[in-house]
Amino acid sequence: MKLDEDQKFQALLAELQERYRAAHKIRERSVQFTLWICGMAIGLGWLLISQENLMIPQRIALTLLILALFTGTLCFIWGLRNQTGFTK
């Protein structure tokens, strides 16, 4: 199938628009995911500092869970950044 220059340009333009829509959707979902994870970490942090009767193993477990959520979120965002080509 032969395409003239205008048809090639239109096909490339359509592909570029689709890529931008997909990248926008990925960013939107990653923001929602990150906010959800941050909310969990804030809630767990609040539980950690507000409860005076937590035993040491419970405090350690909550602290490790908060750190795991934070690390997982950073890895997720870093992976998205590398995958979508938004590196500087």
PDB file of N, CA and C in Angstrom:
ATOM      1  N   MET A   1       0.846  -1.172   0.000  1.00  0.00           N
ATOM      2  CA  MET A   1       0.000   0.000   0.000  1.00  0.00           C
ATOM      3  C   MET A   1       0.897   1.244   0.000  1.00  0.00           C
ATOM      4  N   LYS A   2       0.717   2.069  -0.978  1.00  0.00           N
ATOM      5  CA  LYS A   2       1.499   3.298  -1.112  1.00  0.00           C
ATOM      6  C   LYS A   2       0.726   4.454  -0.503  1.00  0.00           C
ATOM      7  N   LEU A   3       1.438   5.265   0.266  1.00  0.00           N
ATOM      8  CA  LEU A   3       0.845   6.458   0.865  1.00  0.00           C
ATOM      9  C   LEU A   3       1.596   7.679   0.369  1.00  0.00           C
ATOM     10  N   ASP A   4       0.864   8.723   0.112  1.00  0.00           N
ATOM     11  CA  ASP A   4       1.550   9.961  -0.267  1.00  0.00           C
ATOM     12  C   ASP A   4       2.012  10.674   1.006  1.00  0.00           C
ATOM     13  N   GLU A   5       2.736  11.748   0.869  1.00  0.00           N
ATOM     14  CA  GLU A   5       3.343  12.450   2.003  1.00  0.00           C
ATOM     15  C   GLU A   5       2.282  12.952   2.987  1.00  0.00           C
ATOM     16  N   ASP A   6       1.162  13.455   2.484  1.00  0.00           N
ATOM     17  CA  ASP A   6       0.108  13.965   3.357  1.00  0.00           C
ATOM     18  C   ASP A   6      -0.511  12.843   4.183  1.00  0.00           C
ATOM     19  N   GLN A   7      -0.717  11.684   3.584  1.00  0.00           N
ATOM     20  CA  GLN A   7      -1.278  10.548   4.305  1.00  0.00           C
ATOM     21  C   GLN A   7      -0.298  10.041   5.367  1.00  0.00           C
ATOM     22  N   LYS A   8       0.971  10.034   5.035  1.00  0.00           N
ATOM     23  CA  LYS A   8       1.988   9.642   6.020  1.00  0.00           C
ATOM     24  C   LYS A   8       1.989  10.612   7.195  1.00  0.00           C
ATOM     25  N   PHE A   9       1.909  11.895   6.886  1.00  0.00           N
ATOM     26  CA  PHE A   9       1.883  12.911   7.936  1.00  0.00           C
ATOM     27  C   PHE A   9       0.653  12.738   8.822  1.00  0.00           C
ATOM     28  N   GLN A  10      -0.510  12.502   8.211  1.00  0.00           N
ATOM     29  CA  GLN A  10      -1.743  12.316   8.989  1.00  0.00           C
ATOM     30  C   GLN A  10      -1.657  11.072   9.875  1.00  0.00           C
ATOM     31  N   ALA A  11      -1.061   9.995   9.370  1.00  0.00           N
ATOM     32  CA  ALA A  11      -0.906   8.768  10.158  1.00  0.00           C
ATOM     33  C   ALA A  11       0.026   9.005  11.341  1.00  0.00           C
ATOM     34  N   LEU A  12       1.127   9.695  11.087  1.00  0.00           N
ATOM     35  CA  LEU A  12       2.060  10.006  12.177  1.00  0.00           C
ATOM     36  C   LEU A  12       1.439  10.934  13.206  1.00  0.00           C
ATOM     37  N   LEU A  13       0.665  11.894  12.747  1.00  0.00           N
ATOM     38  CA  LEU A  13      -0.008  12.813  13.651  1.00  0.00           C
ATOM     39  C   LEU A  13      -1.016  12.070  14.528  1.00  0.00           C
ATOM     40  N   ALA A  14      -1.763  11.132  13.943  1.00  0.00           N
ATOM     41  CA  ALA A  14      -2.733  10.339  14.709  1.00  0.00           C
ATOM     42  C   ALA A  14      -2.015   9.476  15.752  1.00  0.00           C
ATOM     43  N   GLU A  15      -0.880   8.891  15.384  1.00  0.00           N
ATOM     44  CA  GLU A  15      -0.109   8.089  16.329  1.00  0.00           C
ATOM     45  C   GLU A  15       0.435   8.945  17.464  1.00  0.00           C
ATOM     46  N   LEU A  16       0.892  10.129  17.150  1.00  0.00           N
ATOM     47  CA  LEU A  16       1.419  11.033  18.167  1.00  0.00           C
ATOM     48  C   LEU A  16       0.322  11.462  19.139  1.00  0.00           C
ATOM     49  N   GLN A  17      -0.854  11.765  18.630  1.00  0.00           N
ATOM     50  CA  GLN A  17      -1.977  12.142  19.486  1.00  0.00           C
ATOM     51  C   GLN A  17      -2.371  10.982  20.398  1.00  0.00           C
ATOM     52  N   GLU A  18      -2.371   9.769  19.872  1.00  0.00           N
ATOM     53  CA  GLU A  18      -2.691   8.601  20.688  1.00  0.00           C
ATOM     54  C   GLU A  18      -1.654   8.398  21.782  1.00  0.00           C
ATOM     55  N   ARG A  19      -0.397   8.622  21.442  1.00  0.00           N
ATOM     56  CA  ARG A  19       0.663   8.496  22.449  1.00  0.00           C
ATOM     57  C   ARG A  19       0.478   9.523  23.563  1.00  0.00           C
ATOM     58  N   TYR A  20       0.158  10.758  23.201  1.00  0.00           N
ATOM     59  CA  TYR A  20      -0.066  11.791  24.218  1.00  0.00           C
ATOM     60  C   TYR A  20      -1.269  11.456  25.095  1.00  0.00           C
ATOM     61  N   ARG A  21      -2.333  10.935  24.495  1.00  0.00           N
ATOM     62  CA  ARG A  21      -3.508  10.536  25.294  1.00  0.00           C
ATOM     63  C   ARG A  21      -3.152   9.407  26.258  1.00  0.00           C
ATOM     64  N   ALA A  22      -2.393   8.436  25.773  1.00  0.00           N
ATOM     65  CA  ALA A  22      -1.983   7.319  26.626  1.00  0.00           C
ATOM     66  C   ALA A  22      -1.070   7.801  27.758  1.00  0.00           C
ATOM     67  N   ALA A  23      -0.130   8.684  27.441  1.00  0.00           N
ATOM     68  CA  ALA A  23       0.765   9.214  28.475  1.00  0.00           C
ATOM     69  C   ALA A  23      -0.018  10.011  29.505  1.00  0.00           C
ATOM     70  N   HIS A  24      -1.002  10.768  29.066  1.00  0.00           N
ATOM     71  CA  HIS A  24      -1.828  11.529  29.995  1.00  0.00           C
ATOM     72  C   HIS A  24      -2.609  10.591  30.914  1.00  0.00           C
ATOM     73  N   LYS A  25      -3.152   9.528  30.358  1.00  0.00           N
ATOM     74  CA  LYS A  25      -3.903   8.572  31.163  1.00  0.00           C
ATOM     75  C   LYS A  25      -2.995   7.869  32.170  1.00  0.00           C
ATOM     76  N   ILE A  26      -1.781   7.531  31.748  1.00  0.00           N
ATOM     77  CA  ILE A  26      -0.824   6.903  32.662  1.00  0.00           C
ATOM     78  C   ILE A  26      -0.474   7.850  33.809  1.00  0.00           C
ATOM     79  N   ARG A  27      -0.231   9.118  33.480  1.00  0.00           N
ATOM     80  CA  ARG A  27       0.083  10.096  34.536  1.00  0.00           C
ATOM     81  C   ARG A  27      -1.096  10.267  35.482  1.00  0.00           C
ATOM     82  N   GLU A  28      -2.300  10.325  34.954  1.00  0.00           N
ATOM     83  CA  GLU A  28      -3.488  10.491  35.794  1.00  0.00           C
ATOM     84  C   GLU A  28      -3.655   9.306  36.740  1.00  0.00           C
ATOM     85  N   ARG A  29      -3.486   8.101  36.234  1.00  0.00           N
ATOM     86  CA  ARG A  29      -3.612   6.912  37.081  1.00  0.00           C
ATOM     87  C   ARG A  29      -2.495   6.837  38.109  1.00  0.00           C
ATOM     88  N   SER A  30      -1.294   7.232  37.722  1.00  0.00           N
ATOM     89  CA  SER A  30      -0.194   7.183  38.683  1.00  0.00           C
ATOM     90  C   SER A  30      -0.378   8.202  39.790  1.00  0.00           C
ATOM     91  N   VAL A  31      -0.946   9.355  39.473  1.00  0.00           N
ATOM     92  CA  VAL A  31      -1.239  10.345  40.512  1.00  0.00           C
ATOM     93  C   VAL A  31      -2.285   9.789  41.480  1.00  0.00           C
ATOM     94  N   GLN A  32      -3.323   9.160  40.963  1.00  0.00           N
ATOM     95  CA  GLN A  32      -4.347   8.567  41.825  1.00  0.00           C
ATOM     96  C   GLN A  32      -3.748   7.481  42.714  1.00  0.00           C
ATOM     97  N   PHE A  33      -2.910   6.628  42.129  1.00  0.00           N
ATOM     98  CA  PHE A  33      -2.269   5.565  42.893  1.00  0.00           C
ATOM     99  C   PHE A  33      -1.376   6.143  43.984  1.00  0.00           C
ATOM    100  N   THR A  34      -0.584   7.143  43.626  1.00  0.00           N
ATOM    101  CA  THR A  34       0.326   7.752  44.592  1.00  0.00           C
ATOM    102  C   THR A  34      -0.439   8.420  45.725  1.00  0.00           C
ATOM    103  N   LEU A  35      -1.527   9.112  45.406  1.00  0.00           N
ATOM    104  CA  LEU A  35      -2.334   9.722  46.459  1.00  0.00           C
ATOM    105  C   LEU A  35      -2.937   8.672  47.387  1.00  0.00           C
ATOM    106  N   TRP A  36      -3.370   7.558  46.829  1.00  0.00           N
ATOM    107  CA  TRP A  36      -3.947   6.491  47.633  1.00  0.00           C
ATOM    108  C   TRP A  36      -2.900   5.907  48.575  1.00  0.00           C
ATOM    109  N   ILE A  37      -1.706   5.643  48.046  1.00  0.00           N
ATOM    110  CA  ILE A  37      -0.624   5.099  48.870  1.00  0.00           C
ATOM    111  C   ILE A  37      -0.199   6.103  49.939  1.00  0.00           C
ATOM    112  N   CYS A  38      -0.111   7.381  49.570  1.00  0.00           N
ATOM    113  CA  CYS A  38       0.258   8.414  50.549  1.00  0.00           C
ATOM    114  C   CYS A  38      -0.794   8.515  51.649  1.00  0.00           C
ATOM    115  N   GLY A  39      -2.045   8.395  51.282  1.00  0.00           N
ATOM    116  CA  GLY A  39      -3.113   8.403  52.283  1.00  0.00           C
ATOM    117  C   GLY A  39      -2.971   7.254  53.262  1.00  0.00           C
ATOM    118  N   MET A  40      -2.647   6.081  52.741  1.00  0.00           N
ATOM    119  CA  MET A  40      -2.428   4.930  53.632  1.00  0.00           C
ATOM    120  C   MET A  40      -1.240   5.181  54.551  1.00  0.00           C
ATOM    121  N   ALA A  41      -0.162   5.711  54.004  1.00  0.00           N
ATOM    122  CA  ALA A  41       1.034   5.962  54.810  1.00  0.00           C
ATOM    123  C   ALA A  41       0.766   7.029  55.871  1.00  0.00           C
ATOM    124  N   ILE A  42       0.013   8.060  55.512  1.00  0.00           N
ATOM    125  CA  ILE A  42      -0.324   9.098  56.491  1.00  0.00           C
ATOM    126  C   ILE A  42      -1.205   8.525  57.594  1.00  0.00           C
ATOM    127  N   GLY A  43      -2.186   7.709  57.211  1.00  0.00           N
ATOM    128  CA  GLY A  43      -3.052   7.077  58.214  1.00  0.00           C
ATOM    129  C   GLY A  43      -2.267   6.176  59.144  1.00  0.00           C
ATOM    130  N   LEU A  44      -1.364   5.387  58.593  1.00  0.00           N
ATOM    131  CA  LEU A  44      -0.540   4.520  59.432  1.00  0.00           C
ATOM    132  C   LEU A  44       0.408   5.335  60.309  1.00  0.00           C
ATOM    133  N   GLY A  45       0.952   6.410  59.752  1.00  0.00           N
ATOM    134  CA  GLY A  45       1.813   7.288  60.552  1.00  0.00           C
ATOM    135  C   GLY A  45       1.060   7.934  61.693  1.00  0.00           C
ATOM    136  N   TRP A  46      -0.160   8.360  61.400  1.00  0.00           N
ATOM    137  CA  TRP A  46      -0.985   8.954  62.458  1.00  0.00           C
ATOM    138  C   TRP A  46      -1.277   7.926  63.546  1.00  0.00           C
ATOM    139  N   LEU A  47      -1.588   6.699  63.148  1.00  0.00           N
ATOM    140  CA  LEU A  47      -1.816   5.625  64.113  1.00  0.00           C
ATOM    141  C   LEU A  47      -0.561   5.388  64.937  1.00  0.00           C
ATOM    142  N   LEU A  48       0.579   5.441  64.293  1.00  0.00           N
ATOM    143  CA  LEU A  48       1.849   5.193  64.966  1.00  0.00           C
ATOM    144  C   LEU A  48       2.147   6.246  66.019  1.00  0.00           C
ATOM    145  N   ILE A  49       1.884   7.522  65.714  1.00  0.00           N
ATOM    146  CA  ILE A  49       2.236   8.571  66.684  1.00  0.00           C
ATOM    147  C   ILE A  49       1.117   8.860  67.681  1.00  0.00           C
ATOM    148  N   SER A  50      -0.119   8.487  67.360  1.00  0.00           N
ATOM    149  CA  SER A  50      -1.214   8.835  68.268  1.00  0.00           C
ATOM    150  C   SER A  50      -1.494   7.755  69.311  1.00  0.00           C
ATOM    151  N   GLN A  51      -1.131   6.536  69.033  1.00  0.00           N
ATOM    152  CA  GLN A  51      -1.389   5.447  69.977  1.00  0.00           C
ATOM    153  C   GLN A  51      -0.207   5.296  70.923  1.00  0.00           C
ATOM    154  N   GLU A  52      -0.457   5.562  72.183  1.00  0.00           N
ATOM    155  CA  GLU A  52       0.626   5.466  73.158  1.00  0.00           C
ATOM    156  C   GLU A  52       0.804   4.036  73.666  1.00  0.00           C
ATOM    157  N   ASN A  53      -0.213   3.206  73.514  1.00  0.00           N
ATOM    158  CA  ASN A  53      -0.145   1.871  74.097  1.00  0.00           C
ATOM    159  C   ASN A  53       0.300   0.800  73.102  1.00  0.00           C
ATOM    160  N   LEU A  54       0.901   1.202  71.991  1.00  0.00           N
ATOM    161  CA  LEU A  54       1.427   0.220  71.055  1.00  0.00           C
ATOM    162  C   LEU A  54       2.730  -0.355  71.594  1.00  0.00           C
ATOM    163  N   MET A  55       2.866  -1.657  71.459  1.00  0.00           N
ATOM    164  CA  MET A  55       4.102  -2.293  71.911  1.00  0.00           C
ATOM    165  C   MET A  55       5.199  -2.062  70.863  1.00  0.00           C
ATOM    166  N   ILE A  56       6.419  -2.269  71.273  1.00  0.00           N
ATOM    167  CA  ILE A  56       7.570  -2.029  70.408  1.00  0.00           C
ATOM    168  C   ILE A  56       7.478  -2.831  69.098  1.00  0.00           C
ATOM    169  N   PRO A  57       7.141  -4.118  69.118  1.00  0.00           N
ATOM    170  CA  PRO A  57       7.034  -4.844  67.840  1.00  0.00           C
ATOM    171  C   PRO A  57       5.959  -4.257  66.912  1.00  0.00           C
ATOM    172  N   GLN A  58       4.871  -3.751  67.482  1.00  0.00           N
ATOM    173  CA  GLN A  58       3.827  -3.123  66.671  1.00  0.00           C
ATOM    174  C   GLN A  58       4.339  -1.827  66.047  1.00  0.00           C
ATOM    175  N   ARG A  59       5.061  -1.052  66.826  1.00  0.00           N
ATOM    176  CA  ARG A  59       5.640   0.195  66.296  1.00  0.00           C
ATOM    177  C   ARG A  59       6.652  -0.099  65.185  1.00  0.00           C
ATOM    178  N   ILE A  60       7.463  -1.121  65.386  1.00  0.00           N
ATOM    179  CA  ILE A  60       8.445  -1.489  64.361  1.00  0.00           C
ATOM    180  C   ILE A  60       7.732  -1.958  63.090  1.00  0.00           C
ATOM    181  N   ALA A  61       6.692  -2.774  63.261  1.00  0.00           N
ATOM    182  CA  ALA A  61       5.959  -3.279  62.099  1.00  0.00           C
ATOM    183  C   ALA A  61       5.289  -2.145  61.327  1.00  0.00           C
ATOM    184  N   LEU A  62       4.671  -1.203  62.030  1.00  0.00           N
ATOM    185  CA  LEU A  62       4.043  -0.062  61.365  1.00  0.00           C
ATOM    186  C   LEU A  62       5.081   0.806  60.656  1.00  0.00           C
ATOM    187  N   THR A  63       6.219   1.021  61.308  1.00  0.00           N
ATOM    188  CA  THR A  63       7.277   1.815  60.691  1.00  0.00           C
ATOM    189  C   THR A  63       7.790   1.136  59.426  1.00  0.00           C
ATOM    190  N   LEU A  64       7.997  -0.170  59.481  1.00  0.00           N
ATOM    191  CA  LEU A  64       8.454  -0.901  58.296  1.00  0.00           C
ATOM    192  C   LEU A  64       7.410  -0.876  57.184  1.00  0.00           C
ATOM    193  N   LEU A  65       6.133  -0.952  57.537  1.00  0.00           N
ATOM    194  CA  LEU A  65       5.078  -0.881  56.532  1.00  0.00           C
ATOM    195  C   LEU A  65       5.051   0.487  55.860  1.00  0.00           C
ATOM    196  N   ILE A  66       5.198   1.537  56.635  1.00  0.00           N
ATOM    197  CA  ILE A  66       5.243   2.888  56.073  1.00  0.00           C
ATOM    198  C   ILE A  66       6.440   3.032  55.140  1.00  0.00           C
ATOM    199  N   LEU A  67       7.600   2.544  55.558  1.00  0.00           N
ATOM    200  CA  LEU A  67       8.790   2.608  54.704  1.00  0.00           C
ATOM    201  C   LEU A  67       8.615   1.785  53.430  1.00  0.00           C
ATOM    202  N   ALA A  68       7.969   0.630  53.546  1.00  0.00           N
ATOM    203  CA  ALA A  68       7.733  -0.207  52.360  1.00  0.00           C
ATOM    204  C   ALA A  68       6.792   0.500  51.389  1.00  0.00           C
ATOM    205  N   LEU A  69       5.740   1.137  51.902  1.00  0.00           N
ATOM    206  CA  LEU A  69       4.821   1.884  51.033  1.00  0.00           C
ATOM    207  C   LEU A  69       5.543   3.037  50.340  1.00  0.00           C
ATOM    208  N   PHE A  70       6.369   3.746  51.086  1.00  0.00           N
ATOM    209  CA  PHE A  70       7.115   4.856  50.523  1.00  0.00           C
ATOM    210  C   PHE A  70       8.083   4.380  49.451  1.00  0.00           C
ATOM    211  N   THR A  71       8.830   3.328  49.743  1.00  0.00           N
ATOM    212  CA  THR A  71       9.793   2.794  48.780  1.00  0.00           C
ATOM    213  C   THR A  71       9.092   2.258  47.542  1.00  0.00           C
ATOM    214  N   GLY A  72       7.995   1.542  47.737  1.00  0.00           N
ATOM    215  CA  GLY A  72       7.238   1.019  46.602  1.00  0.00           C
ATOM    216  C   GLY A  72       6.703   2.114  45.712  1.00  0.00           C
ATOM    217  N   THR A  73       6.224   3.184  46.312  1.00  0.00           N
ATOM    218  CA  THR A  73       5.710   4.309  45.533  1.00  0.00           C
ATOM    219  C   THR A  73       6.833   4.980  44.743  1.00  0.00           C
ATOM    220  N   LEU A  74       7.977   5.169  45.369  1.00  0.00           N
ATOM    221  CA  LEU A  74       9.115   5.759  44.652  1.00  0.00           C
ATOM    222  C   LEU A  74       9.545   4.882  43.476  1.00  0.00           C
ATOM    223  N   CYS A  75       9.594   3.574  43.686  1.00  0.00           N
ATOM    224  CA  CYS A  75       9.966   2.666  42.594  1.00  0.00           C
ATOM    225  C   CYS A  75       8.927   2.713  41.476  1.00  0.00           C
ATOM    226  N   PHE A  76       7.669   2.789  41.844  1.00  0.00           N
ATOM    227  CA  PHE A  76       6.589   2.860  40.855  1.00  0.00           C
ATOM    228  C   PHE A  76       6.718   4.126  40.016  1.00  0.00           C
ATOM    229  N   ILE A  77       6.910   5.258  40.673  1.00  0.00           N
ATOM    230  CA  ILE A  77       7.033   6.532  39.960  1.00  0.00           C
ATOM    231  C   ILE A  77       8.302   6.550  39.108  1.00  0.00           C
ATOM    232  N   TRP A  78       9.393   6.026  39.631  1.00  0.00           N
ATOM    233  CA  TRP A  78      10.634   5.969  38.872  1.00  0.00           C
ATOM    234  C   TRP A  78      10.473   5.100  37.628  1.00  0.00           C
ATOM    235  N   GLY A  79       9.799   3.956  37.780  1.00  0.00           N
ATOM    236  CA  GLY A  79       9.556   3.082  36.638  1.00  0.00           C
ATOM    237  C   GLY A  79       8.692   3.750  35.579  1.00  0.00           C
ATOM    238  N   LEU A  80       7.654   4.462  36.013  1.00  0.00           N
ATOM    239  CA  LEU A  80       6.810   5.194  35.060  1.00  0.00           C
ATOM    240  C   LEU A  80       7.601   6.271  34.341  1.00  0.00           C
ATOM    241  N   ARG A  81       8.435   6.950  35.064  1.00  0.00           N
ATOM    242  CA  ARG A  81       9.231   8.013  34.470  1.00  0.00           C
ATOM    243  C   ARG A  81      10.155   7.457  33.404  1.00  0.00           C
ATOM    244  N   ASN A  82      10.786   6.332  33.686  1.00  0.00           N
ATOM    245  CA  ASN A  82      11.696   5.724  32.712  1.00  0.00           C
ATOM    246  C   ASN A  82      10.939   5.126  31.537  1.00  0.00           C
ATOM    247  N   GLN A  83       9.785   4.540  31.782  1.00  0.00           N
ATOM    248  CA  GLN A  83       9.028   3.862  30.737  1.00  0.00           C
ATOM    249  C   GLN A  83       8.409   4.840  29.751  1.00  0.00           C
ATOM    250  N   THR A  84       7.921   5.969  30.223  1.00  0.00           N
ATOM    251  CA  THR A  84       7.216   6.896  29.354  1.00  0.00           C
ATOM    252  C   THR A  84       8.147   7.878  28.670  1.00  0.00           C
ATOM    253  N   GLY A  85       9.423   7.844  28.972  1.00  0.00           N
ATOM    254  CA  GLY A  85      10.367   8.705  28.283  1.00  0.00           C
ATOM    255  C   GLY A  85      10.350  10.146  28.782  1.00  0.00           C
ATOM    256  N   PHE A  86       9.970  10.356  30.045  1.00  0.00           N
ATOM    257  CA  PHE A  86       9.929  11.709  30.590  1.00  0.00           C
ATOM    258  C   PHE A  86      11.187  12.034  31.381  1.00  0.00           C
ATOM    259  N   THR A  87      12.272  11.329  31.115  1.00  0.00           N
ATOM    260  CA  THR A  87      13.513  11.639  31.808  1.00  0.00           C
ATOM    261  C   THR A  87      14.121  12.898  31.216  1.00  0.00           C
ATOM    262  N   LYS A  88      14.859  13.577  32.031  1.00  0.00           N
ATOM    263  CA  LYS A  88      15.480  14.833  31.593  1.00  0.00           C
ATOM    264  C   LYS A  88      16.895  14.595  31.200  1.00  0.00           C
TER     265      LYS A  88
END
